[in-house]
Amino acid sequence: MSNYIFYIFIFCSWSPNCICQSYKDSNGTTGGIKTITGVLNKLLTGYDRRVRPNYEGGPVVVTVGFTLLSIDSINVIDMDFSLDMFLRQEWTDERLDHGTNDTMFLSNHVMDRVWLPDSYFVNSKDAKFHTVTTANRMIMLGPKGKVKYNARVTVKAYCSMDLKEFPMDTQFCSLVFESYGYIDKHITFLWEPNMKPVPESLKELPQYKLNGLKLSYTYTIYIVGNWSGLNATFEFERTYSYFIYHAYAPSAIIVIISWIGFVLPRDKPPARITLGVTSVLTVVTILTMLSNHVAKVNYVKRIDQYLIGCFLFVFGSLLEYAVVLFLGTVTFQYGAWNYEEGY
């Protein structure tokens, strides 16, 4: 029989056998009509989902691809980033060969009855599937047992950040993908060829620019064996205009204001002291505010150096007035002593 065209939409919430559809051959004849239920029952009869495909042979080659839907957050305090994506996996399971050149589109109810790779994100802090209005997962059975699995996933992953140049820094955040229970002799991961994972609309973020994405392969050695894996490294460059408006410019203005005390008369201590103390407290407030929005690290960041310099300038202007008062008092006492001695 020639090629068959399947039009299969299974929307069953209580049984995978609730809907039966048929297909016709390419000549439009109705001879040899088969139901979808019959095809699936034939494929799944005697199928053991506990055993991977080609267990006695070579490893299962799983091709992985993804398309980003959004980059939700890049958290500097907790050092993590969140991604929402369509995750695609493809492999061959000859036990699911339906004998045609067409692709069967199946709902997520079939997934509990077929073998799926036990892949996971190594550096994830949290991950979830989307379930509104139904589980956002699908599976397709192609010719010769080709299985295509697609799911919408949200992942929060750890990212080791170097904040020495903050806020003019660039961060490299990786997303590592591996099998949990199969060593490289059972599962090998490959990147999907010609993949375009990042839409142009996602390259400009509120505080970052996504400058690039590097796809690579990993080979991890554990106690029980060696694992094949994939690594996607995102390059995020911080846009520092926000910090110019809220940290650099205000601090510079406070320093300039503190210099007004140099032109105030020496005999006006309330004005000069109030101006100096207010300037010091303002710079300290800016420094404290920024430290609450950045991870507590054991090194000095670039913005810390700037704010500490501003603090020293402001404190120096206050200290200068104390020195002027001291020298004025000494000069006055010295002049009074000379007057008493008759000089």
Protein backbone atom coordinates (compact mmCIF):
# COMPACT_ATOMS: atom_id res chain seq x y z
CA MET A 1 0.00 0.00 0.00
CA SER A 2 1.28 3.48 -0.84
CA ASN A 3 1.91 6.35 1.57
CA TYR A 4 -0.67 7.10 4.26
CA ILE A 5 -1.63 10.50 5.60
CA PHE A 6 -2.58 10.61 9.26
CA TYR A 7 -4.78 13.35 10.67
CA ILE A 8 -4.78 12.49 14.34
CA PHE A 9 -6.05 14.67 17.14
CA ILE A 10 -6.61 12.76 20.39
CA PHE A 11 -8.24 14.95 23.02
CA CYS A 12 -9.16 12.30 25.61
CA SER A 13 -9.06 12.95 29.31
CA TRP A 14 -10.28 9.56 30.43
CA SER A 15 -9.00 6.94 27.99
CA PRO A 16 -6.53 6.86 25.08
CA ASN A 17 -9.02 4.73 23.17
CA CYS A 18 -11.97 7.10 23.28
CA ILE A 19 -11.55 8.46 19.73
CA CYS A 20 -11.02 6.44 16.60
CA GLN A 21 -10.11 7.99 13.27
CA SER A 22 -9.21 6.43 9.96
CA TYR A 23 -6.98 7.33 7.11
CA LYS A 24 -7.23 6.70 3.38
CA ASP A 25 -4.49 5.76 1.03
CA SER A 26 -3.11 8.24 -1.52
CA ASN A 27 -5.64 7.12 -4.14
CA GLY A 28 -8.54 8.15 -1.90
CA THR A 29 -9.91 4.61 -1.61
CA THR A 30 -11.39 3.34 1.61
CA GLY A 31 -10.02 -0.15 1.30
CA GLY A 32 -7.81 -1.26 4.15
CA ILE A 33 -9.05 1.40 6.57
CA LYS A 34 -7.30 1.19 9.91
CA THR A 35 -8.22 3.02 13.05
CA ILE A 36 -5.78 5.05 15.04
CA THR A 37 -6.70 3.02 18.06
CA GLY A 38 -5.74 -0.15 16.27
CA VAL A 39 -2.38 1.26 15.20
CA LEU A 40 -1.56 2.44 18.72
CA ASN A 41 -2.70 -0.82 20.29
CA LYS A 42 -0.51 -2.76 17.92
CA LEU A 43 2.51 -0.57 18.67
CA LEU A 44 2.05 -0.60 22.43
CA THR A 45 1.16 -4.28 22.85
CA GLY A 46 4.14 -5.90 24.53
CA TYR A 47 5.98 -2.56 24.68
CA ASP A 48 8.12 -2.22 27.82
CA ARG A 49 8.71 1.45 28.63
CA ARG A 50 11.15 0.48 31.36
CA VAL A 51 13.77 -0.54 28.79
CA ARG A 52 15.44 1.98 26.54
CA PRO A 53 15.45 1.47 22.76
CA ASN A 54 18.16 -0.78 21.33
CA TYR A 55 19.29 -1.83 24.79
CA GLU A 56 21.63 -4.54 23.51
CA GLY A 57 23.11 -2.24 20.88
CA GLY A 58 24.72 1.17 20.92
CA PRO A 59 23.60 4.23 22.87
CA VAL A 60 20.39 6.10 22.14
CA VAL A 61 21.29 9.33 20.34
CA VAL A 62 19.04 12.09 21.67
CA THR A 63 19.02 15.32 19.67
CA VAL A 64 18.12 18.33 21.82
CA GLY A 65 16.93 21.77 20.81
CA PHE A 66 15.13 24.66 22.45
CA THR A 67 13.48 27.97 21.63
CA LEU A 68 13.36 30.69 24.26
CA LEU A 69 10.01 32.26 24.98
CA SER A 70 11.23 34.68 27.65
CA ILE A 71 14.15 35.45 29.95
CA ASP A 72 12.25 36.19 33.12
CA SER A 73 14.95 37.39 35.49
CA ILE A 74 18.68 37.55 36.19
CA ASN A 75 19.00 37.66 39.96
CA VAL A 76 22.30 39.09 41.18
CA ILE A 77 21.51 38.52 44.87
CA ASP A 78 20.73 34.79 44.58
CA MET A 79 22.97 34.34 41.52
CA ASP A 80 20.47 32.62 39.26
CA PHE A 81 18.51 33.26 36.06
CA SER A 82 15.10 32.07 34.83
CA LEU A 83 14.17 30.93 31.33
CA ASP A 84 10.88 29.93 29.73
CA MET A 85 11.34 27.73 26.66
CA PHE A 86 10.08 25.10 24.29
CA LEU A 87 12.34 22.08 24.87
CA ARG A 88 12.64 19.56 22.04
CA GLN A 89 14.11 16.06 22.15
CA GLU A 90 14.30 13.57 19.30
CA TRP A 91 15.44 9.95 19.22
CA THR A 92 14.73 6.66 17.42
CA ASP A 93 12.72 3.83 18.97
CA GLU A 94 12.29 1.05 16.41
CA ARG A 95 9.59 -0.53 18.56
CA LEU A 96 7.34 2.42 17.62
CA ASP A 97 7.74 2.06 13.85
CA HIS A 98 4.20 2.28 12.45
CA GLY A 99 5.27 1.28 8.95
CA THR A 100 4.35 4.46 7.07
CA ASN A 101 6.13 7.57 5.87
CA ASP A 102 3.86 9.91 7.79
CA THR A 103 4.00 11.39 11.27
CA MET A 104 1.46 10.63 13.96
CA PHE A 105 0.64 13.57 16.24
CA LEU A 106 -0.35 12.27 19.66
CA SER A 107 -1.48 13.93 22.86
CA ASN A 108 0.38 13.85 26.16
CA HIS A 109 -1.71 10.87 27.37
CA VAL A 110 0.50 8.53 25.34
CA MET A 111 3.67 9.62 27.13
CA ASP A 112 2.96 7.44 30.13
CA ARG A 113 3.13 4.38 27.90
CA VAL A 114 6.35 4.97 25.94
CA TRP A 115 10.00 5.33 26.93
CA LEU A 116 11.26 8.89 27.44
CA PRO A 117 14.81 10.08 28.17
CA ASP A 118 15.38 10.87 31.84
CA SER A 119 17.05 14.17 31.01
CA TYR A 120 17.33 17.01 33.52
CA PHE A 121 19.05 20.37 34.05
CA VAL A 122 22.12 19.82 36.21
CA ASN A 123 22.41 23.34 37.62
CA SER A 124 18.70 24.03 38.02
CA LYS A 125 17.36 25.33 41.33
CA ASP A 126 13.77 24.86 40.24
CA ALA A 127 11.98 23.69 37.10
CA LYS A 128 8.41 22.99 36.09
CA PHE A 129 6.16 21.97 33.21
CA HIS A 130 3.26 24.22 32.27
CA THR A 131 -0.16 22.69 32.80
CA VAL A 132 -2.70 25.36 31.72
CA THR A 133 -5.09 24.61 30.14
CA THR A 134 -3.63 21.14 29.83
CA ALA A 135 -0.14 19.70 30.14
CA ASN A 136 1.98 21.59 27.58
CA ARG A 137 3.64 18.50 26.18
CA MET A 138 3.29 16.64 22.91
CA ILE A 139 4.80 13.65 21.16
CA MET A 140 5.07 12.72 17.50
CA LEU A 141 5.82 9.32 15.99
CA GLY A 142 7.62 9.64 12.67
CA PRO A 143 8.68 7.06 10.11
CA LYS A 144 10.99 4.23 11.19
CA GLY A 145 10.37 4.83 14.87
CA LYS A 146 11.50 8.46 14.96
CA VAL A 147 10.11 10.00 18.18
CA LYS A 148 9.84 13.77 18.67
CA TYR A 149 9.04 15.08 22.12
CA ASN A 150 8.21 18.72 22.84
CA ALA A 151 7.44 20.40 26.18
CA ARG A 152 7.17 23.90 27.57
CA VAL A 153 9.51 24.26 30.53
CA THR A 154 10.41 27.05 32.96
CA VAL A 155 13.86 26.69 34.55
CA LYS A 156 15.59 28.66 37.29
CA ALA A 157 19.30 27.82 37.08
CA TYR A 158 22.33 28.72 39.17
CA CYS A 159 24.82 31.13 37.62
CA SER A 160 28.22 31.84 39.15
CA MET A 161 28.66 35.58 38.72
CA ASP A 162 31.85 37.64 38.95
CA LEU A 163 30.83 41.09 40.19
CA LYS A 164 34.26 42.76 40.34
CA GLU A 165 33.35 45.05 37.42
CA PHE A 166 29.76 45.67 38.59
CA PRO A 167 27.81 47.48 37.15
CA MET A 168 29.87 47.43 33.94
CA ASP A 169 30.18 43.67 33.99
CA THR A 170 29.43 40.78 31.64
CA GLN A 171 28.08 37.52 33.03
CA PHE A 172 28.32 34.06 31.47
CA CYS A 173 25.46 31.84 32.64
CA SER A 174 25.33 28.18 31.65
CA LEU A 175 22.47 25.73 31.36
CA VAL A 176 23.74 22.13 31.60
CA PHE A 177 21.63 19.24 30.28
CA GLU A 178 22.30 15.57 31.11
CA SER A 179 20.66 12.22 31.61
CA TYR A 180 20.04 11.36 35.24
CA GLY A 181 20.34 7.58 35.17
CA TYR A 182 22.02 6.57 31.90
CA ILE A 183 25.77 6.72 31.33
CA ASP A 184 27.24 7.63 27.95
CA LYS A 185 27.09 3.99 26.81
CA HIS A 186 23.28 4.21 26.99
CA ILE A 187 22.46 7.83 26.03
CA THR A 188 24.45 10.34 24.00
CA PHE A 189 23.20 13.90 23.60
CA LEU A 190 23.65 16.03 20.48
CA TRP A 191 22.57 19.58 19.71
CA GLU A 192 19.89 20.05 17.08
CA PRO A 193 21.50 21.27 13.84
CA ASN A 194 20.68 24.72 12.45
CA MET A 195 18.95 25.70 15.66
CA LYS A 196 17.89 29.32 16.27
CA PRO A 197 17.11 29.29 19.99
CA VAL A 198 16.97 33.04 20.71
CA PRO A 199 14.48 35.32 18.94
CA GLU A 200 15.71 38.83 18.17
CA SER A 201 13.10 40.30 20.53
CA LEU A 202 14.77 38.64 23.54
CA LYS A 203 18.25 40.04 22.97
CA GLU A 204 17.37 43.37 24.61
CA LEU A 205 16.40 43.03 28.28
CA PRO A 206 15.61 45.77 30.84
CA GLN A 207 19.08 45.68 32.44
CA TYR A 208 21.01 43.36 30.14
CA LYS A 209 21.86 42.65 26.54
CA LEU A 210 22.17 39.08 25.36
CA ASN A 211 25.35 39.29 23.31
CA GLY A 212 25.69 35.64 22.41
CA LEU A 213 24.92 31.99 23.03
CA LYS A 214 27.56 29.29 22.90
CA LEU A 215 26.51 25.65 22.50
CA SER A 216 28.98 22.99 23.58
CA TYR A 217 29.20 19.40 24.79
CA THR A 218 30.14 18.16 28.25
CA TYR A 219 31.61 14.90 29.47
CA THR A 220 31.21 14.48 33.21
CA ILE A 221 32.89 11.78 35.27
CA TYR A 222 30.96 10.53 38.28
CA ILE A 223 31.67 7.64 40.64
CA VAL A 224 29.40 5.21 38.82
CA GLY A 225 30.38 6.18 35.27
CA ASN A 226 30.70 8.84 32.62
CA TRP A 227 27.82 11.02 31.47
CA SER A 228 27.24 12.75 28.15
CA GLY A 229 25.74 16.22 28.36
CA LEU A 230 25.09 19.56 26.69
CA ASN A 231 26.00 23.08 27.74
CA ALA A 232 24.34 26.30 26.61
CA THR A 233 26.25 29.40 27.80
CA PHE A 234 24.47 32.76 27.66
CA GLU A 235 26.51 35.99 27.57
CA PHE A 236 24.70 38.79 29.40
CA GLU A 237 26.16 42.30 29.27
CA ARG A 238 24.74 44.66 31.87
CA THR A 239 23.45 48.03 30.73
CA TYR A 240 24.66 50.52 33.34
CA SER A 241 22.57 53.59 32.48
CA TYR A 242 20.30 52.86 35.48
CA PHE A 243 23.26 53.08 37.86
CA ILE A 244 24.48 56.32 36.27
CA TYR A 245 21.13 57.94 37.07
CA HIS A 246 20.70 56.43 40.54
CA ALA A 247 24.24 56.12 41.89
CA TYR A 248 27.05 57.78 39.93
CA ALA A 249 25.38 61.11 39.16
CA PRO A 250 23.78 61.64 42.62
CA SER A 251 27.05 60.83 44.38
CA ALA A 252 28.98 63.26 42.19
CA ILE A 253 26.42 65.99 42.90
CA ILE A 254 26.66 65.35 46.66
CA VAL A 255 30.44 65.72 46.49
CA ILE A 256 30.11 69.04 44.63
CA ILE A 257 27.54 70.28 47.15
CA SER A 258 29.89 69.42 50.01
CA TRP A 259 32.47 71.79 48.48
CA ILE A 260 30.11 74.73 49.10
CA GLY A 261 31.29 74.58 52.70
CA PHE A 262 34.69 75.88 51.56
CA VAL A 263 33.23 79.28 50.73
CA LEU A 264 31.11 79.61 53.86
CA PRO A 265 32.50 81.87 56.59
CA ARG A 266 34.49 80.15 59.27
CA ASP A 267 32.33 81.69 61.96
CA LYS A 268 29.20 79.88 60.65
CA PRO A 269 29.67 76.41 62.16
CA PRO A 270 25.98 75.31 62.08
CA ALA A 271 25.76 75.74 58.29
CA ARG A 272 29.07 74.07 57.52
CA ILE A 273 28.59 71.16 59.94
CA THR A 274 25.01 70.54 58.77
CA LEU A 275 26.11 70.55 55.14
CA GLY A 276 29.04 68.21 55.80
CA VAL A 277 27.11 65.70 57.93
CA THR A 278 24.19 65.63 55.48
CA SER A 279 26.55 64.95 52.58
CA VAL A 280 28.26 62.10 54.44
CA LEU A 281 24.94 60.49 55.39
CA THR A 282 23.63 60.76 51.82
CA VAL A 283 26.63 58.96 50.35
CA VAL A 284 26.37 56.28 53.06
CA THR A 285 22.69 55.83 52.21
CA ILE A 286 23.46 55.32 48.50
CA LEU A 287 26.18 52.82 49.37
CA THR A 288 23.83 50.89 51.68
CA MET A 289 21.01 50.91 49.13
CA LEU A 290 23.21 49.37 46.45
CA SER A 291 24.62 46.73 48.79
CA ASN A 292 21.06 45.52 49.46
CA HIS A 293 20.53 44.87 45.74
CA VAL A 294 23.76 43.00 45.11
CA ALA A 295 25.11 39.70 46.41
CA LYS A 296 27.26 39.92 49.52
CA VAL A 297 30.71 39.16 48.13
CA ASN A 298 34.12 39.26 49.78
CA TYR A 299 35.74 41.63 47.29
CA VAL A 300 35.35 45.30 46.37
CA LYS A 301 33.23 45.97 43.31
CA ARG A 302 33.91 48.74 40.81
CA ILE A 303 30.96 50.82 42.01
CA ASP A 304 32.12 50.34 45.62
CA GLN A 305 35.44 51.96 44.73
CA TYR A 306 33.64 54.96 43.25
CA LEU A 307 31.27 55.39 46.20
CA ILE A 308 34.06 54.97 48.74
CA GLY A 309 36.00 57.68 46.88
CA CYS A 310 32.95 59.96 47.04
CA PHE A 311 32.62 59.23 50.74
CA LEU A 312 36.26 60.17 51.35
CA PHE A 313 35.85 63.46 49.47
CA VAL A 314 32.73 64.37 51.45
CA PHE A 315 34.28 63.31 54.74
CA GLY A 316 37.41 65.25 53.82
CA SER A 317 35.38 68.45 53.40
CA LEU A 318 33.92 67.93 56.87
CA LEU A 319 37.34 67.15 58.30
CA GLU A 320 38.74 70.27 56.64
CA TYR A 321 36.38 72.47 58.65
CA ALA A 322 37.45 70.76 61.87
CA VAL A 323 41.09 71.47 60.97
CA VAL A 324 40.22 75.10 60.17
CA LEU A 325 38.50 75.52 63.54
CA PHE A 326 41.44 73.96 65.33
CA LEU A 327 43.99 76.14 63.57
CA GLY A 328 41.82 79.20 64.18
CA THR A 329 41.63 78.43 67.88
CA VAL A 330 45.40 77.87 68.10
CA THR A 331 46.07 81.06 66.18
CA PHE A 332 43.75 83.01 68.46
CA GLN A 333 45.36 81.61 71.61
CA TYR A 334 48.83 82.28 70.21
CA GLY A 335 47.86 85.87 69.41
CA ALA A 336 46.39 86.36 72.88
CA TRP A 337 49.57 84.98 74.48
CA ASN A 338 51.74 87.33 72.43
CA TYR A 339 49.57 90.24 73.46
CA GLU A 340 49.95 89.39 77.12
CA GLU A 341 53.69 89.04 76.77
CA GLY A 342 53.91 92.39 75.06
CA TYR A 343 55.10 91.19 71.70
